[in-house]
């Protein structure tokens, strides 16, 4: 029993850690994928673009070319999340199952926030930032703040959509585009040594 519980926890942790990768330049494919016992798992996607994004942030391509690629990925991500939500909505869950879904979703978000906090402490540690000058430090702290705001928008939009509100595919794509462009511009501005130690 303990082994089974640990395995369940580990799988949940792995999924959430993948999502936390958004801080360092990796991203979970935007279709929802959270731990739940509800009959909606076919609505989830296992499509992962983390390596694609990480390679983009580390590449020596011109900034404008990186932005163009980021835009293409963002539209794909927005479509994926939107389709997952529509699939869940079409399940016509009972009121009880709907409540369970929100409990699962809130637990997923809480775990993400906790792990994200740990990661921020790591990325802001002296070990990682001792070589940064004052301008680079300001870039880093501003970047983390803006990213957190955009992730809150993404999670809020997802929660509203799961609750039956109409959130367009374009809305999700634009949030992802903002996130990806924020990442591209940030990593392009940071010194290579710092980039290599994080990505």
N, C-alpha and C. Protein backbone atom coordinates (compact mmCIF):
# COMPACT_ATOMS: atom_id res chain seq x y z
N UNK A 1 0.84 -1.21 0.00
CA UNK A 1 0.00 0.00 0.00
C UNK A 1 0.87 1.26 0.00
N UNK A 2 1.92 1.23 0.85
CA UNK A 2 2.80 2.39 0.92
C UNK A 2 3.53 2.58 -0.40
N UNK A 3 3.92 1.47 -1.03
CA UNK A 3 4.60 1.54 -2.32
C UNK A 3 3.69 2.14 -3.37
N UNK A 4 2.42 1.76 -3.36
CA UNK A 4 1.46 2.28 -4.32
C UNK A 4 1.26 3.77 -4.12
N UNK A 5 1.15 4.19 -2.85
CA UNK A 5 0.96 5.61 -2.54
C UNK A 5 2.16 6.42 -2.99
N UNK A 6 3.36 5.87 -2.76
CA UNK A 6 4.56 6.58 -3.17
C UNK A 6 4.62 6.71 -4.69
N UNK A 7 4.25 5.63 -5.38
CA UNK A 7 4.26 5.66 -6.85
C UNK A 7 3.31 6.73 -7.37
N UNK A 8 2.13 6.82 -6.76
CA UNK A 8 1.14 7.83 -7.17
C UNK A 8 1.70 9.22 -6.94
N UNK A 9 2.33 9.41 -5.76
CA UNK A 9 2.91 10.71 -5.45
C UNK A 9 4.02 11.06 -6.44
N UNK A 10 4.86 10.06 -6.76
CA UNK A 10 5.97 10.30 -7.66
C UNK A 10 5.49 10.71 -9.05
N UNK A 11 4.43 10.05 -9.53
CA UNK A 11 3.90 10.39 -10.85
C UNK A 11 3.34 11.81 -10.86
N UNK A 12 2.64 12.17 -9.79
CA UNK A 12 2.10 13.53 -9.67
C UNK A 12 3.23 14.54 -9.64
N UNK A 13 4.26 14.22 -8.85
CA UNK A 13 5.40 15.11 -8.73
C UNK A 13 6.10 15.31 -10.06
N UNK A 14 6.25 14.22 -10.81
CA UNK A 14 6.91 14.29 -12.11
C UNK A 14 6.15 15.19 -13.07
N UNK A 15 4.83 15.03 -13.10
CA UNK A 15 4.02 15.88 -13.98
C UNK A 15 4.17 17.35 -13.60
N UNK A 16 4.15 17.61 -12.30
CA UNK A 16 4.21 18.98 -11.84
C UNK A 16 5.59 19.57 -12.07
N UNK A 17 6.62 18.77 -11.84
CA UNK A 17 7.97 19.24 -12.10
C UNK A 17 8.15 19.61 -13.57
N UNK A 18 7.49 18.88 -14.45
CA UNK A 18 7.55 19.21 -15.87
C UNK A 18 6.95 20.59 -16.10
N UNK A 19 5.85 20.87 -15.41
CA UNK A 19 5.22 22.18 -15.54
C UNK A 19 6.11 23.25 -14.96
N UNK A 20 6.78 22.95 -13.85
CA UNK A 20 7.66 23.92 -13.24
C UNK A 20 8.80 24.28 -14.17
N UNK A 21 9.10 23.40 -15.11
CA UNK A 21 10.15 23.68 -16.08
C UNK A 21 9.94 24.96 -16.84
N UNK A 22 8.74 25.51 -16.79
CA UNK A 22 8.48 26.77 -17.45
C UNK A 22 9.38 27.87 -16.92
N UNK A 23 9.82 27.75 -15.67
CA UNK A 23 10.69 28.76 -15.08
C UNK A 23 12.04 28.76 -15.75
N UNK A 24 12.53 27.58 -16.09
CA UNK A 24 13.88 27.49 -16.63
C UNK A 24 13.92 27.44 -18.15
N UNK A 25 12.74 27.46 -18.77
CA UNK A 25 12.73 27.47 -20.22
C UNK A 25 12.06 26.27 -20.82
N UNK A 26 11.62 25.33 -20.02
CA UNK A 26 10.91 24.18 -20.54
C UNK A 26 9.43 24.34 -20.23
N UNK A 27 8.60 23.69 -21.01
CA UNK A 27 7.17 23.85 -20.80
C UNK A 27 6.41 22.57 -21.03
N UNK A 28 5.50 22.32 -20.13
CA UNK A 28 4.58 21.21 -20.34
C UNK A 28 3.67 21.57 -21.50
N UNK A 29 3.41 20.64 -22.40
CA UNK A 29 2.46 20.90 -23.47
C UNK A 29 1.15 21.31 -22.83
N UNK A 30 0.50 22.28 -23.44
CA UNK A 30 -0.54 23.00 -22.73
C UNK A 30 -1.82 22.22 -22.50
N UNK A 31 -2.01 21.11 -23.20
CA UNK A 31 -3.17 20.32 -22.87
C UNK A 31 -3.07 19.87 -21.43
N UNK A 32 -4.18 19.92 -20.71
CA UNK A 32 -4.14 19.61 -19.28
C UNK A 32 -3.67 18.19 -19.03
N UNK A 33 -2.96 18.02 -17.95
CA UNK A 33 -2.50 16.70 -17.55
C UNK A 33 -2.28 16.70 -16.05
N UNK A 34 -3.35 16.51 -15.28
CA UNK A 34 -3.26 16.51 -13.84
C UNK A 34 -3.72 15.18 -13.27
N UNK A 35 -3.34 14.92 -12.05
CA UNK A 35 -3.68 13.66 -11.40
C UNK A 35 -5.14 13.68 -10.96
N UNK A 36 -5.95 12.78 -11.51
CA UNK A 36 -7.37 12.72 -11.17
C UNK A 36 -7.89 11.31 -11.41
N UNK A 37 -8.93 10.96 -10.66
CA UNK A 37 -9.59 9.66 -10.84
C UNK A 37 -10.82 9.78 -11.73
N UNK A 38 -11.11 10.98 -12.19
CA UNK A 38 -12.29 11.20 -13.03
C UNK A 38 -12.08 10.61 -14.43
N UNK A 39 -13.17 10.23 -15.11
CA UNK A 39 -13.06 9.61 -16.44
C UNK A 39 -12.83 10.64 -17.55
N UNK A 40 -11.75 11.40 -17.42
CA UNK A 40 -11.47 12.46 -18.40
C UNK A 40 -10.04 12.37 -18.94
N UNK A 41 -9.36 11.28 -18.65
CA UNK A 41 -7.94 11.21 -18.98
C UNK A 41 -7.68 11.22 -20.48
N UNK A 42 -8.68 10.82 -21.27
CA UNK A 42 -8.48 10.89 -22.72
C UNK A 42 -8.44 12.33 -23.21
N UNK A 43 -8.85 13.26 -22.34
CA UNK A 43 -8.80 14.68 -22.70
C UNK A 43 -7.41 15.27 -22.48
N UNK A 44 -6.56 14.54 -21.78
CA UNK A 44 -5.22 15.03 -21.50
C UNK A 44 -4.30 14.73 -22.67
N UNK A 45 -3.23 15.50 -22.78
CA UNK A 45 -2.25 15.25 -23.83
C UNK A 45 -0.90 14.96 -23.20
N UNK A 46 -0.14 14.10 -23.85
CA UNK A 46 1.21 13.79 -23.40
C UNK A 46 2.26 14.44 -24.29
N UNK A 47 1.79 15.32 -25.14
CA UNK A 47 2.68 15.99 -26.09
C UNK A 47 3.57 16.97 -25.32
N UNK A 48 4.87 16.82 -25.44
CA UNK A 48 5.79 17.66 -24.68
C UNK A 48 6.69 18.44 -25.63
N UNK A 49 6.78 19.74 -25.40
CA UNK A 49 7.63 20.58 -26.25
C UNK A 49 8.80 21.13 -25.45
N UNK A 50 9.07 20.57 -24.27
CA UNK A 50 10.09 21.13 -23.39
C UNK A 50 11.46 21.18 -24.06
N UNK A 51 11.87 20.09 -24.72
CA UNK A 51 13.19 20.07 -25.35
C UNK A 51 13.25 21.06 -26.51
N UNK A 52 12.15 21.17 -27.24
CA UNK A 52 12.08 22.11 -28.36
C UNK A 52 12.29 23.54 -27.86
N UNK A 53 11.62 23.88 -26.76
CA UNK A 53 11.75 25.22 -26.21
C UNK A 53 13.12 25.45 -25.60
N UNK A 54 13.61 24.48 -24.85
CA UNK A 54 14.92 24.62 -24.23
C UNK A 54 16.00 24.83 -25.29
N UNK A 55 15.92 24.07 -26.37
CA UNK A 55 16.89 24.23 -27.46
C UNK A 55 16.75 25.61 -28.10
N UNK A 56 15.53 26.10 -28.18
CA UNK A 56 15.30 27.42 -28.76
C UNK A 56 15.97 28.49 -27.90
N UNK A 57 15.79 28.41 -26.59
CA UNK A 57 16.36 29.42 -25.70
C UNK A 57 17.89 29.39 -25.71
N UNK A 58 18.46 28.20 -25.94
CA UNK A 58 19.92 28.07 -25.93
C UNK A 58 20.55 28.30 -27.30
N UNK A 59 19.74 28.36 -28.33
CA UNK A 59 20.26 28.42 -29.70
C UNK A 59 20.93 29.77 -29.98
N UNK A 60 21.74 29.77 -31.04
CA UNK A 60 22.43 31.00 -31.44
C UNK A 60 21.70 31.69 -32.59
N UNK A 61 20.46 31.30 -32.82
CA UNK A 61 19.65 31.96 -33.85
C UNK A 61 19.47 33.43 -33.51
N UNK A 62 19.26 34.29 -34.52
CA UNK A 62 18.96 35.69 -34.24
C UNK A 62 17.68 35.80 -33.40
N UNK A 63 17.60 36.83 -32.59
CA UNK A 63 16.47 37.01 -31.68
C UNK A 63 15.14 37.00 -32.43
N UNK A 64 15.07 37.68 -33.56
CA UNK A 64 13.81 37.75 -34.30
C UNK A 64 13.37 36.38 -34.81
N UNK A 65 14.33 35.54 -35.18
CA UNK A 65 14.00 34.18 -35.63
C UNK A 65 13.49 33.35 -34.45
N UNK A 66 14.09 33.53 -33.29
CA UNK A 66 13.62 32.85 -32.08
C UNK A 66 12.18 33.25 -31.77
N UNK A 67 11.89 34.52 -31.91
CA UNK A 67 10.53 35.01 -31.64
C UNK A 67 9.53 34.39 -32.61
N UNK A 68 9.93 34.27 -33.86
CA UNK A 68 9.03 33.68 -34.86
C UNK A 68 8.72 32.23 -34.51
N UNK A 69 9.74 31.48 -34.12
CA UNK A 69 9.53 30.08 -33.73
C UNK A 69 8.67 30.00 -32.47
N UNK A 70 8.93 30.89 -31.52
CA UNK A 70 8.15 30.91 -30.27
C UNK A 70 6.68 31.16 -30.56
N UNK A 71 6.40 32.02 -31.54
CA UNK A 71 5.02 32.31 -31.90
C UNK A 71 4.33 31.06 -32.45
N UNK A 72 5.03 30.32 -33.29
CA UNK A 72 4.46 29.08 -33.85
C UNK A 72 4.13 28.08 -32.75
N UNK A 73 5.06 27.91 -31.80
CA UNK A 73 4.84 26.98 -30.70
C UNK A 73 3.69 27.45 -29.81
N UNK A 74 3.61 28.75 -29.59
CA UNK A 74 2.56 29.30 -28.72
C UNK A 74 1.17 29.00 -29.26
N UNK A 75 0.98 29.15 -30.56
CA UNK A 75 -0.33 28.86 -31.14
C UNK A 75 -0.67 27.37 -31.02
N UNK A 76 0.34 26.52 -31.15
CA UNK A 76 0.12 25.08 -30.99
C UNK A 76 -0.26 24.76 -29.55
N UNK A 77 0.42 25.40 -28.61
CA UNK A 77 0.15 25.18 -27.19
C UNK A 77 -1.25 25.67 -26.81
N UNK A 78 -1.61 26.85 -27.31
CA UNK A 78 -2.94 27.39 -27.01
C UNK A 78 -4.04 26.48 -27.53
N UNK A 79 -3.86 25.97 -28.73
CA UNK A 79 -4.85 25.05 -29.31
C UNK A 79 -4.95 23.78 -28.49
N UNK A 80 -3.82 23.25 -28.04
CA UNK A 80 -3.81 22.02 -27.26
C UNK A 80 -4.57 22.18 -25.95
N UNK A 81 -4.30 23.28 -25.24
CA UNK A 81 -5.00 23.48 -23.96
C UNK A 81 -6.49 23.70 -24.19
N UNK A 82 -6.82 24.48 -25.19
CA UNK A 82 -8.23 24.75 -25.50
C UNK A 82 -8.98 23.46 -25.83
N UNK A 83 -8.38 22.59 -26.64
CA UNK A 83 -9.02 21.33 -27.01
C UNK A 83 -9.21 20.42 -25.80
N UNK A 84 -8.24 20.42 -24.89
CA UNK A 84 -8.38 19.61 -23.68
C UNK A 84 -9.57 20.08 -22.85
N UNK A 85 -9.70 21.39 -22.72
CA UNK A 85 -10.80 21.95 -21.93
C UNK A 85 -12.15 21.66 -22.58
N UNK A 86 -12.23 21.82 -23.90
CA UNK A 86 -13.48 21.52 -24.60
C UNK A 86 -13.86 20.06 -24.41
N UNK A 87 -12.87 19.18 -24.48
CA UNK A 87 -13.10 17.75 -24.28
C UNK A 87 -13.69 17.49 -22.89
N UNK A 88 -13.13 18.14 -21.87
CA UNK A 88 -13.64 17.98 -20.50
C UNK A 88 -15.05 18.53 -20.38
N UNK A 89 -15.28 19.70 -20.98
CA UNK A 89 -16.62 20.29 -20.93
C UNK A 89 -17.66 19.38 -21.57
N UNK A 90 -17.27 18.71 -22.64
CA UNK A 90 -18.20 17.83 -23.36
C UNK A 90 -18.51 16.54 -22.59
N UNK A 91 -17.79 16.29 -21.51
CA UNK A 91 -18.07 15.12 -20.68
C UNK A 91 -19.34 15.31 -19.84
N UNK A 92 -19.79 16.56 -19.74
CA UNK A 92 -20.99 16.86 -18.95
C UNK A 92 -20.93 16.21 -17.56
N UNK A 93 -19.88 16.54 -16.83
CA UNK A 93 -19.68 15.96 -15.50
C UNK A 93 -20.82 16.31 -14.56
N UNK A 94 -21.11 15.40 -13.66
CA UNK A 94 -22.12 15.66 -12.63
C UNK A 94 -21.59 16.75 -11.70
N UNK A 95 -22.48 17.30 -10.89
CA UNK A 95 -22.06 18.34 -9.95
C UNK A 95 -21.00 17.81 -8.99
N UNK A 96 -21.16 16.57 -8.57
CA UNK A 96 -20.19 15.96 -7.66
C UNK A 96 -18.83 15.80 -8.33
N UNK A 97 -18.83 15.30 -9.57
CA UNK A 97 -17.57 15.12 -10.29
C UNK A 97 -16.92 16.46 -10.62
N UNK A 98 -17.77 17.45 -10.88
CA UNK A 98 -17.25 18.79 -11.16
C UNK A 98 -16.52 19.33 -9.94
N UNK A 99 -17.07 19.08 -8.77
CA UNK A 99 -16.41 19.52 -7.53
C UNK A 99 -15.09 18.79 -7.34
N UNK A 100 -15.08 17.49 -7.67
CA UNK A 100 -13.84 16.71 -7.57
C UNK A 100 -12.79 17.24 -8.53
N UNK A 101 -13.24 17.62 -9.73
CA UNK A 101 -12.31 18.15 -10.72
C UNK A 101 -11.62 19.40 -10.19
N UNK A 102 -12.39 20.28 -9.56
CA UNK A 102 -11.80 21.51 -9.03
C UNK A 102 -10.88 21.24 -7.85
N UNK A 103 -11.19 20.23 -7.07
CA UNK A 103 -10.28 19.84 -5.99
C UNK A 103 -8.96 19.34 -6.57
N UNK A 104 -9.05 18.53 -7.63
CA UNK A 104 -7.84 18.02 -8.28
C UNK A 104 -7.04 19.16 -8.91
N UNK A 105 -7.76 20.07 -9.55
CA UNK A 105 -7.11 21.20 -10.21
C UNK A 105 -6.42 22.09 -9.19
N UNK A 106 -7.10 22.41 -8.09
CA UNK A 106 -6.52 23.27 -7.05
C UNK A 106 -5.31 22.61 -6.40
N UNK A 107 -5.37 21.30 -6.21
CA UNK A 107 -4.23 20.58 -5.65
C UNK A 107 -3.04 20.64 -6.61
N UNK A 108 -3.34 20.50 -7.90
CA UNK A 108 -2.31 20.58 -8.93
C UNK A 108 -1.64 21.95 -8.91
N UNK A 109 -2.44 23.01 -8.83
CA UNK A 109 -1.91 24.37 -8.82
C UNK A 109 -1.11 24.64 -7.55
N UNK A 110 -1.61 24.13 -6.41
CA UNK A 110 -0.90 24.32 -5.15
C UNK A 110 0.48 23.66 -5.21
N UNK A 111 0.53 22.44 -5.72
CA UNK A 111 1.81 21.73 -5.81
C UNK A 111 2.75 22.46 -6.75
N UNK A 112 2.23 22.94 -7.85
CA UNK A 112 3.05 23.71 -8.79
C UNK A 112 3.63 24.94 -8.11
N UNK A 113 2.79 25.67 -7.35
CA UNK A 113 3.25 26.89 -6.68
C UNK A 113 4.36 26.59 -5.68
N UNK A 114 4.22 25.49 -4.96
CA UNK A 114 5.24 25.10 -3.99
C UNK A 114 6.56 24.78 -4.69
N UNK A 115 6.50 23.99 -5.74
CA UNK A 115 7.71 23.61 -6.46
C UNK A 115 8.33 24.81 -7.18
N UNK A 116 7.48 25.69 -7.66
CA UNK A 116 7.96 26.89 -8.31
C UNK A 116 8.72 27.77 -7.32
N UNK A 117 8.22 27.82 -6.09
CA UNK A 117 8.88 28.58 -5.04
C UNK A 117 10.27 28.02 -4.75
N UNK A 118 10.37 26.69 -4.68
CA UNK A 118 11.68 26.06 -4.48
C UNK A 118 12.62 26.40 -5.63
N UNK A 119 12.08 26.36 -6.84
CA UNK A 119 12.93 26.63 -8.00
C UNK A 119 13.41 28.08 -8.01
N UNK A 120 12.54 29.01 -7.64
CA UNK A 120 12.94 30.41 -7.59
C UNK A 120 14.07 30.61 -6.58
N UNK A 121 13.95 29.94 -5.44
CA UNK A 121 15.03 30.03 -4.44
C UNK A 121 16.34 29.51 -5.02
N UNK A 122 16.23 28.45 -5.82
CA UNK A 122 17.42 27.87 -6.45
C UNK A 122 18.03 28.82 -7.46
N UNK A 123 17.19 29.36 -8.32
CA UNK A 123 17.70 30.21 -9.41
C UNK A 123 18.22 31.55 -8.88
N UNK A 124 17.74 31.96 -7.69
CA UNK A 124 18.19 33.21 -7.08
C UNK A 124 19.32 33.00 -6.07
N UNK A 125 19.77 31.78 -5.93
CA UNK A 125 20.80 31.47 -4.93
C UNK A 125 22.13 32.12 -5.31
N UNK A 126 22.97 32.32 -4.29
CA UNK A 126 24.29 32.93 -4.53
C UNK A 126 25.10 32.12 -5.52
N UNK A 127 24.95 30.81 -5.45
CA UNK A 127 25.71 29.93 -6.35
C UNK A 127 25.43 30.26 -7.81
N UNK A 128 24.18 30.62 -8.10
CA UNK A 128 23.79 30.88 -9.49
C UNK A 128 23.95 32.35 -9.88
N UNK A 129 23.90 33.25 -8.91
CA UNK A 129 23.83 34.68 -9.26
C UNK A 129 25.07 35.47 -8.89
N UNK A 130 26.07 34.84 -8.29
CA UNK A 130 27.23 35.61 -7.81
C UNK A 130 27.97 36.32 -8.94
N UNK A 131 27.84 35.80 -10.17
CA UNK A 131 28.54 36.43 -11.29
C UNK A 131 27.71 37.50 -12.00
N UNK A 132 26.47 37.70 -11.56
CA UNK A 132 25.60 38.67 -12.23
C UNK A 132 25.90 40.09 -11.75
N UNK A 133 25.86 41.03 -12.68
CA UNK A 133 25.97 42.43 -12.27
C UNK A 133 24.59 42.95 -11.89
N UNK A 134 24.51 44.20 -11.46
CA UNK A 134 23.25 44.75 -10.95
C UNK A 134 22.16 44.78 -12.01
N UNK A 135 22.53 45.05 -13.25
CA UNK A 135 21.54 45.10 -14.33
C UNK A 135 20.99 43.71 -14.61
N UNK A 136 21.86 42.72 -14.64
CA UNK A 136 21.43 41.33 -14.88
C UNK A 136 20.57 40.81 -13.73
N UNK A 137 20.92 41.19 -12.50
CA UNK A 137 20.11 40.80 -11.34
C UNK A 137 18.71 41.40 -11.45
N UNK A 138 18.63 42.65 -11.87
CA UNK A 138 17.34 43.30 -12.05
C UNK A 138 16.53 42.61 -13.14
N UNK A 139 17.20 42.23 -14.22
CA UNK A 139 16.54 41.49 -15.30
C UNK A 139 15.95 40.18 -14.78
N UNK A 140 16.72 39.48 -13.97
CA UNK A 140 16.29 38.19 -13.45
C UNK A 140 15.08 38.32 -12.54
N UNK A 141 15.13 39.23 -11.58
CA UNK A 141 14.02 39.37 -10.63
C UNK A 141 12.76 39.89 -11.32
N UNK A 142 12.93 40.80 -12.27
CA UNK A 142 11.77 41.31 -13.02
C UNK A 142 11.17 40.19 -13.87
N UNK A 143 12.03 39.41 -14.48
CA UNK A 143 11.60 38.29 -15.31
C UNK A 143 10.76 37.30 -14.51
N UNK A 144 11.22 36.91 -13.33
CA UNK A 144 10.49 35.95 -12.50
C UNK A 144 9.14 36.51 -12.07
N UNK A 145 9.10 37.80 -11.76
CA UNK A 145 7.84 38.43 -11.36
C UNK A 145 6.84 38.43 -12.51
N UNK A 146 7.30 38.82 -13.70
CA UNK A 146 6.41 38.87 -14.86
C UNK A 146 5.93 37.47 -15.25
N UNK A 147 6.82 36.48 -15.14
CA UNK A 147 6.44 35.12 -15.47
C UNK A 147 5.36 34.61 -14.53
N UNK A 148 5.52 34.92 -13.24
CA UNK A 148 4.53 34.48 -12.26
C UNK A 148 3.16 35.10 -12.56
N UNK A 149 3.15 36.36 -12.97
CA UNK A 149 1.90 37.03 -13.31
C UNK A 149 1.23 36.37 -14.52
N UNK A 150 2.02 36.02 -15.52
CA UNK A 150 1.47 35.37 -16.72
C UNK A 150 0.97 33.97 -16.42
N UNK A 151 1.68 33.25 -15.57
CA UNK A 151 1.23 31.91 -15.19
C UNK A 151 -0.06 31.97 -14.39
N UNK A 152 -0.20 33.00 -13.57
CA UNK A 152 -1.45 33.20 -12.84
C UNK A 152 -2.60 33.44 -13.82
N UNK A 153 -2.34 34.24 -14.85
CA UNK A 153 -3.36 34.48 -15.87
C UNK A 153 -3.75 33.19 -16.58
N UNK A 154 -2.75 32.37 -16.90
CA UNK A 154 -3.01 31.10 -17.57
C UNK A 154 -3.85 30.18 -16.70
N UNK A 155 -3.48 30.06 -15.44
CA UNK A 155 -4.21 29.18 -14.52
C UNK A 155 -5.61 29.71 -14.23
N UNK A 156 -5.74 31.03 -14.11
CA UNK A 156 -7.07 31.62 -13.90
C UNK A 156 -7.97 31.35 -15.09
N UNK A 157 -7.43 31.56 -16.30
CA UNK A 157 -8.21 31.32 -17.51
C UNK A 157 -8.64 29.86 -17.60
N UNK A 158 -7.75 28.96 -17.23
CA UNK A 158 -8.08 27.53 -17.24
C UNK A 158 -9.18 27.23 -16.24
N UNK A 159 -9.05 27.77 -15.04
CA UNK A 159 -10.07 27.55 -14.01
C UNK A 159 -11.43 28.08 -14.44
N UNK A 160 -11.46 29.28 -15.02
CA UNK A 160 -12.72 29.85 -15.49
C UNK A 160 -13.34 28.97 -16.57
N UNK A 161 -12.49 28.49 -17.50
CA UNK A 161 -12.99 27.64 -18.59
C UNK A 161 -13.53 26.32 -18.07
N UNK A 162 -12.85 25.73 -17.10
CA UNK A 162 -13.34 24.48 -16.51
C UNK A 162 -14.65 24.69 -15.78
N UNK A 163 -14.88 25.93 -15.37
CA UNK A 163 -16.13 26.26 -14.68
C UNK A 163 -17.25 26.63 -15.65
N UNK A 164 -16.96 26.51 -16.95
CA UNK A 164 -18.01 26.73 -17.95
C UNK A 164 -17.97 28.07 -18.65
N UNK A 165 -17.06 28.96 -18.24
CA UNK A 165 -16.97 30.25 -18.90
C UNK A 165 -16.31 30.09 -20.28
N UNK A 166 -16.69 30.97 -21.20
CA UNK A 166 -16.15 30.89 -22.55
C UNK A 166 -14.80 31.60 -22.62
N UNK A 167 -13.75 30.82 -22.76
CA UNK A 167 -12.40 31.34 -22.94
C UNK A 167 -11.92 30.86 -24.30
N UNK A 168 -11.54 31.78 -25.16
CA UNK A 168 -11.22 31.40 -26.54
C UNK A 168 -9.84 30.75 -26.65
N UNK A 169 -9.67 30.02 -27.74
CA UNK A 169 -8.37 29.43 -28.05
C UNK A 169 -7.32 30.53 -28.19
N UNK A 170 -7.72 31.65 -28.80
CA UNK A 170 -6.80 32.77 -28.98
C UNK A 170 -6.31 33.31 -27.65
N UNK A 171 -7.19 33.33 -26.65
CA UNK A 171 -6.82 33.82 -25.33
C UNK A 171 -5.66 32.99 -24.76
N UNK A 172 -5.80 31.66 -24.85
CA UNK A 172 -4.73 30.80 -24.35
C UNK A 172 -3.45 30.98 -25.17
N UNK A 173 -3.59 31.08 -26.48
CA UNK A 173 -2.41 31.24 -27.34
C UNK A 173 -1.66 32.53 -27.03
N UNK A 174 -2.41 33.61 -26.76
CA UNK A 174 -1.77 34.89 -26.47
C UNK A 174 -1.02 34.86 -25.14
N UNK A 175 -1.57 34.15 -24.16
CA UNK A 175 -0.86 34.03 -22.88
C UNK A 175 0.43 33.24 -23.09
N UNK A 176 0.33 32.14 -23.84
CA UNK A 176 1.53 31.36 -24.12
C UNK A 176 2.55 32.17 -24.92
N UNK A 177 2.08 32.95 -25.86
CA UNK A 177 2.99 33.76 -26.65
C UNK A 177 3.73 34.75 -25.76
N UNK A 178 3.00 35.38 -24.84
CA UNK A 178 3.62 36.32 -23.91
C UNK A 178 4.68 35.63 -23.06
N UNK A 179 4.36 34.42 -22.60
CA UNK A 179 5.32 33.65 -21.80
C UNK A 179 6.57 33.30 -22.60
N UNK A 180 6.37 32.81 -23.81
CA UNK A 180 7.51 32.37 -24.61
C UNK A 180 8.40 33.55 -25.02
N UNK A 181 7.77 34.67 -25.41
CA UNK A 181 8.55 35.84 -25.79
C UNK A 181 9.32 36.40 -24.60
N UNK A 182 8.68 36.36 -23.43
CA UNK A 182 9.35 36.78 -22.21
C UNK A 182 10.60 35.94 -21.99
N UNK A 183 10.46 34.62 -22.17
CA UNK A 183 11.59 33.71 -22.01
C UNK A 183 12.69 33.98 -23.04
N UNK A 184 12.30 34.09 -24.29
CA UNK A 184 13.27 34.28 -25.37
C UNK A 184 14.09 35.55 -25.13
N UNK A 185 13.41 36.64 -24.82
CA UNK A 185 14.10 37.91 -24.63
C UNK A 185 14.98 37.89 -23.39
N UNK A 186 14.50 37.22 -22.33
CA UNK A 186 15.28 37.15 -21.10
C UNK A 186 16.57 36.36 -21.31
N UNK A 187 16.45 35.14 -21.84
CA UNK A 187 17.64 34.32 -22.00
C UNK A 187 18.60 34.90 -23.02
N UNK A 188 18.09 35.64 -23.98
CA UNK A 188 18.95 36.27 -24.96
C UNK A 188 19.79 37.38 -24.32
N UNK A 189 19.23 38.00 -23.27
CA UNK A 189 19.91 39.12 -22.61
C UNK A 189 20.88 38.67 -21.52
N UNK A 190 20.71 37.44 -21.01
CA UNK A 190 21.54 36.97 -19.90
C UNK A 190 22.88 36.40 -20.40
N UNK A 191 23.92 36.47 -19.55
CA UNK A 191 25.22 35.94 -19.96
C UNK A 191 25.18 34.43 -20.19
N UNK A 192 26.00 33.95 -21.11
CA UNK A 192 25.99 32.54 -21.48
C UNK A 192 26.28 31.62 -20.28
N UNK A 193 27.18 32.03 -19.40
CA UNK A 193 27.52 31.18 -18.26
C UNK A 193 26.31 30.93 -17.36
N UNK A 194 25.50 31.97 -17.15
CA UNK A 194 24.30 31.82 -16.33
C UNK A 194 23.29 30.95 -17.06
N UNK A 195 23.13 31.19 -18.36
CA UNK A 195 22.20 30.42 -19.18
C UNK A 195 22.54 28.93 -19.12
N UNK A 196 23.82 28.63 -19.29
CA UNK A 196 24.25 27.23 -19.31
C UNK A 196 24.06 26.54 -17.97
N UNK A 197 24.11 27.30 -16.89
CA UNK A 197 23.98 26.69 -15.56
C UNK A 197 22.53 26.41 -15.19
N UNK A 198 21.59 27.00 -15.93
CA UNK A 198 20.16 26.85 -15.61
C UNK A 198 19.45 25.98 -16.63
N UNK A 199 19.66 26.25 -17.91
CA UNK A 199 18.92 25.54 -18.96
C UNK A 199 19.43 24.12 -19.14
